[in-house]
PDB file of N, CA and C in Angstrom:
ATOM      1  N   MET A   1       0.697  -1.405   0.058  1.00  0.00           N
ATOM      2  CA  MET A   1       0.009  -0.007   0.072  1.00  0.00           C
ATOM      3  C   MET A   1       0.788   1.118  -0.152  1.00  0.00           C
ATOM      4  N   ALA A   2       2.255   1.214   0.236  1.00  0.00           N
ATOM      5  CA  ALA A   2       2.926   2.334   0.289  1.00  0.00           C
ATOM      6  C   ALA A   2       3.051   3.083  -1.038  1.00  0.00           C
ATOM      7  N   LEU A   3       3.268   2.530  -2.077  1.00  0.00           N
ATOM      8  CA  LEU A   3       3.300   3.003  -3.443  1.00  0.00           C
ATOM      9  C   LEU A   3       1.945   3.786  -3.905  1.00  0.00           C
ATOM     10  N   PRO A   4       0.940   3.216  -3.829  1.00  0.00           N
ATOM     11  CA  PRO A   4      -0.470   3.963  -3.825  1.00  0.00           C
ATOM     12  C   PRO A   4      -0.416   5.248  -2.911  1.00  0.00           C
ATOM     13  N   VAL A   5      -0.191   4.945  -1.821  1.00  0.00           N
ATOM     14  CA  VAL A   5      -0.177   6.306  -0.979  1.00  0.00           C
ATOM     15  C   VAL A   5       0.859   7.327  -1.165  1.00  0.00           C
ATOM     16  N   GLY A   6       1.980   6.707  -1.701  1.00  0.00           N
ATOM     17  CA  GLY A   6       3.134   7.769  -1.908  1.00  0.00           C
ATOM     18  C   GLY A   6       2.609   8.534  -3.128  1.00  0.00           C
ATOM     19  N   LYS A   7       1.990   8.080  -4.167  1.00  0.00           N
ATOM     20  CA  LYS A   7       1.627   8.582  -5.413  1.00  0.00           C
ATOM     21  C   LYS A   7       0.332   9.568  -4.896  1.00  0.00           C
ATOM     22  N   TRP A   8      -0.497   9.035  -4.046  1.00  0.00           N
ATOM     23  CA  TRP A   8      -1.484  10.173  -3.848  1.00  0.00           C
ATOM     24  C   TRP A   8      -1.247  11.286  -2.907  1.00  0.00           C
ATOM     25  N   LEU A   9      -0.166  11.056  -2.279  1.00  0.00           N
ATOM     26  CA  LEU A   9       0.439  12.295  -1.479  1.00  0.00           C
ATOM     27  C   LEU A   9       1.302  13.330  -2.116  1.00  0.00           C
ATOM     28  N   GLY A  10       2.025  12.455  -3.143  1.00  0.00           N
ATOM     29  CA  GLY A  10       2.860  13.524  -3.835  1.00  0.00           C
ATOM     30  C   GLY A  10       4.197  13.786  -3.430  1.00  0.00           C
ATOM     31  N   LYS A  11       4.965  14.581  -4.013  1.00  0.00           N
ATOM     32  CA  LYS A  11       6.368  14.740  -3.642  1.00  0.00           C
ATOM     33  C   LYS A  11       6.455  15.919  -2.614  1.00  0.00           C
ATOM     34  N   PRO A  12       5.737  16.656  -2.483  1.00  0.00           N
ATOM     35  CA  PRO A  12       6.153  17.640  -1.177  1.00  0.00           C
ATOM     36  C   PRO A  12       5.675  16.887   0.029  1.00  0.00           C
ATOM     37  N   ALA A  13       4.644  16.194   0.130  1.00  0.00           N
ATOM     38  CA  ALA A  13       4.501  15.283   1.386  1.00  0.00           C
ATOM     39  C   ALA A  13       5.388  14.409   1.648  1.00  0.00           C
ATOM     40  N   SER A  14       6.127  13.724   0.556  1.00  0.00           N
ATOM     41  CA  SER A  14       6.838  12.793   0.780  1.00  0.00           C
ATOM     42  C   SER A  14       8.123  13.142   1.498  1.00  0.00           C
ATOM     43  N   THR A  15       8.717  14.317   1.117  1.00  0.00           N
ATOM     44  CA  THR A  15       9.747  15.134   1.341  1.00  0.00           C
ATOM     45  C   THR A  15       9.490  15.736   2.751  1.00  0.00           C
ATOM     46  N   SER A  16       8.537  15.774   3.224  1.00  0.00           N
ATOM     47  CA  SER A  16       8.459  16.690   4.514  1.00  0.00           C
ATOM     48  C   SER A  16       8.109  15.715   5.342  1.00  0.00           C
ATOM     49  N   PHE A  17       7.650  14.521   5.418  1.00  0.00           N
ATOM     50  CA  PHE A  17       7.216  13.444   6.250  1.00  0.00           C
ATOM     51  C   PHE A  17       8.540  13.129   7.029  1.00  0.00           C
ATOM     52  N   PRO A  18       9.500  12.607   6.627  1.00  0.00           N
ATOM     53  CA  PRO A  18      10.606  12.240   7.592  1.00  0.00           C
ATOM     54  C   PRO A  18      11.050  13.077   8.604  1.00  0.00           C
ATOM     55  N   PRO A  19      11.281  14.503   8.267  1.00  0.00           N
ATOM     56  CA  PRO A  19      11.761  15.300   9.686  1.00  0.00           C
ATOM     57  C   PRO A  19      10.409  15.380  10.548  1.00  0.00           C
ATOM     58  N   LEU A  20       9.222  15.544   9.855  1.00  0.00           N
ATOM     59  CA  LEU A  20       8.190  15.501  11.090  1.00  0.00           C
ATOM     60  C   LEU A  20       8.031  13.925  11.982  1.00  0.00           C
ATOM     61  N   ALA A  21       8.471  12.928  11.310  1.00  0.00           N
ATOM     62  CA  ALA A  21       8.589  11.701  11.964  1.00  0.00           C
ATOM     63  C   ALA A  21       9.732  11.568  12.898  1.00  0.00           C
ATOM     64  N   GLY A  22      10.754  12.237  12.486  1.00  0.00           N
ATOM     65  CA  GLY A  22      11.935  12.457  13.607  1.00  0.00           C
ATOM     66  C   GLY A  22      11.550  13.192  14.580  1.00  0.00           C
ATOM     67  N   ILE A  23      10.820  14.386  14.410  1.00  0.00           N
ATOM     68  CA  ILE A  23      10.327  15.000  15.386  1.00  0.00           C
ATOM     69  C   ILE A  23       9.440  14.426  16.613  1.00  0.00           C
ATOM     70  N   LEU A  24       8.446  13.495  16.078  1.00  0.00           N
ATOM     71  CA  LEU A  24       7.782  12.839  16.974  1.00  0.00           C
ATOM     72  C   LEU A  24       8.318  11.806  17.773  1.00  0.00           C
ATOM     73  N   ALA A  25       9.297  11.247  16.961  1.00  0.00           N
ATOM     74  CA  ALA A  25      10.010   9.996  17.538  1.00  0.00           C
ATOM     75  C   ALA A  25      10.828  10.740  18.766  1.00  0.00           C
ATOM     76  N   ALA A  26      11.427  11.720  18.516  1.00  0.00           N
ATOM     77  CA  ALA A  26      12.169  12.549  19.854  1.00  0.00           C
ATOM     78  C   ALA A  26      11.187  12.939  20.660  1.00  0.00           C
ATOM     79  N   ALA A  27       9.939  13.514  20.540  1.00  0.00           N
ATOM     80  CA  ALA A  27       9.141  13.849  21.496  1.00  0.00           C
ATOM     81  C   ALA A  27       8.456  12.501  22.459  1.00  0.00           C
ATOM     82  N   ILE A  28       8.248  11.574  21.703  1.00  0.00           N
ATOM     83  CA  ILE A  28       7.975  10.205  22.426  1.00  0.00           C
ATOM     84  C   ILE A  28       9.069   9.758  23.370  1.00  0.00           C
ATOM     85  N   ALA A  29      10.284  10.055  23.102  1.00  0.00           N
ATOM     86  CA  ALA A  29      11.364   9.584  23.595  1.00  0.00           C
ATOM     87  C   ALA A  29      11.741  10.275  24.944  1.00  0.00           C
ATOM     88  N   LEU A  30      11.434  11.609  24.606  1.00  0.00           N
ATOM     89  CA  LEU A  30      11.501  12.588  25.783  1.00  0.00           C
ATOM     90  C   LEU A  30      10.454  12.226  26.859  1.00  0.00           C
ATOM     91  N   GLN A  31       9.289  12.058  26.464  1.00  0.00           N
ATOM     92  CA  GLN A  31       8.065  11.664  27.154  1.00  0.00           C
ATOM     93  C   GLN A  31       8.546  10.617  27.845  1.00  0.00           C
ATOM     94  N   MET A  32       9.165   9.552  27.438  1.00  0.00           N
ATOM     95  CA  MET A  32       9.687   8.245  27.993  1.00  0.00           C
ATOM     96  C   MET A  32      10.417   8.492  29.204  1.00  0.00           C
ATOM     97  N   ILE A  33      11.552   9.361  29.004  1.00  0.00           N
ATOM     98  CA  ILE A  33      12.581   9.452  29.707  1.00  0.00           C
ATOM     99  C   ILE A  33      12.041  10.212  30.956  1.00  0.00           C
ATOM    100  N   LEU A  34      11.306  11.302  30.613  1.00  0.00           N
ATOM    101  CA  LEU A  34      10.504  11.792  31.943  1.00  0.00           C
ATOM    102  C   LEU A  34       9.654  11.445  32.629  1.00  0.00           C
ATOM    103  N   SER A  35       9.059  10.173  32.196  1.00  0.00           N
ATOM    104  CA  SER A  35       8.136   9.339  32.844  1.00  0.00           C
ATOM    105  C   SER A  35       8.895   8.522  33.753  1.00  0.00           C
ATOM    106  N   GLY A  36      10.078   8.248  33.112  1.00  0.00           N
ATOM    107  CA  GLY A  36      10.856   6.776  33.958  1.00  0.00           C
ATOM    108  C   GLY A  36      11.623   7.770  35.019  1.00  0.00           C
ATOM    109  N   LEU A  37      12.096   8.905  34.700  1.00  0.00           N
ATOM    110  CA  LEU A  37      12.710   9.877  36.134  1.00  0.00           C
ATOM    111  C   LEU A  37      11.705  10.020  37.012  1.00  0.00           C
ATOM    112  N   LEU A  38      10.339  10.445  36.722  1.00  0.00           N
ATOM    113  CA  LEU A  38       9.533  10.678  37.698  1.00  0.00           C
ATOM    114  C   LEU A  38       9.139   9.672  38.849  1.00  0.00           C
ATOM    115  N   GLU A  39       9.106   8.492  37.942  1.00  0.00           N
ATOM    116  CA  GLU A  39       8.780   6.960  38.776  1.00  0.00           C
ATOM    117  C   GLU A  39       9.808   6.839  39.428  1.00  0.00           C
ATOM    118  N   THR A  40      11.226   7.079  39.193  1.00  0.00           N
ATOM    119  CA  THR A  40      12.434   6.900  40.089  1.00  0.00           C
ATOM    120  C   THR A  40      12.399   7.755  40.882  1.00  0.00           C
ATOM    121  N   PHE A  41      12.131   8.869  40.745  1.00  0.00           N
ATOM    122  CA  PHE A  41      12.278  10.188  41.945  1.00  0.00           C
ATOM    123  C   PHE A  41      11.061  10.656  42.090  1.00  0.00           C
ATOM    124  N   PRO A  42      10.135  10.083  42.819  1.00  0.00           N
ATOM    125  CA  PRO A  42       8.711  10.508  43.169  1.00  0.00           C
ATOM    126  C   PRO A  42       8.566  11.868  43.955  1.00  0.00           C
ATOM    127  N   ALA A  43       9.773  12.284  44.653  1.00  0.00           N
ATOM    128  CA  ALA A  43       9.904  13.725  45.185  1.00  0.00           C
ATOM    129  C   ALA A  43       9.900  14.683  44.308  1.00  0.00           C
ATOM    130  N   TRP A  44      10.334  14.332  42.946  1.00  0.00           N
ATOM    131  CA  TRP A  44      10.380  15.680  42.111  1.00  0.00           C
ATOM    132  C   TRP A  44       8.954  16.026  41.326  1.00  0.00           C
ATOM    133  N   LYS A  45       7.648  15.350  41.802  1.00  0.00           N
ATOM    134  CA  LYS A  45       6.373  15.616  41.056  1.00  0.00           C
ATOM    135  C   LYS A  45       6.079  16.923  42.065  1.00  0.00           C
TER     136      LYS A  45
END
């Protein structure tokens, strides 16, 4: 299904998606780190 979706989205969407996916992955990673730190150090809440 990737090829039909890629053709439907076009070139601008396919070139802007990887940076947005990277930002989303970094935000999820930061949230996981912060959640782990708050579980480890409950006095920080």
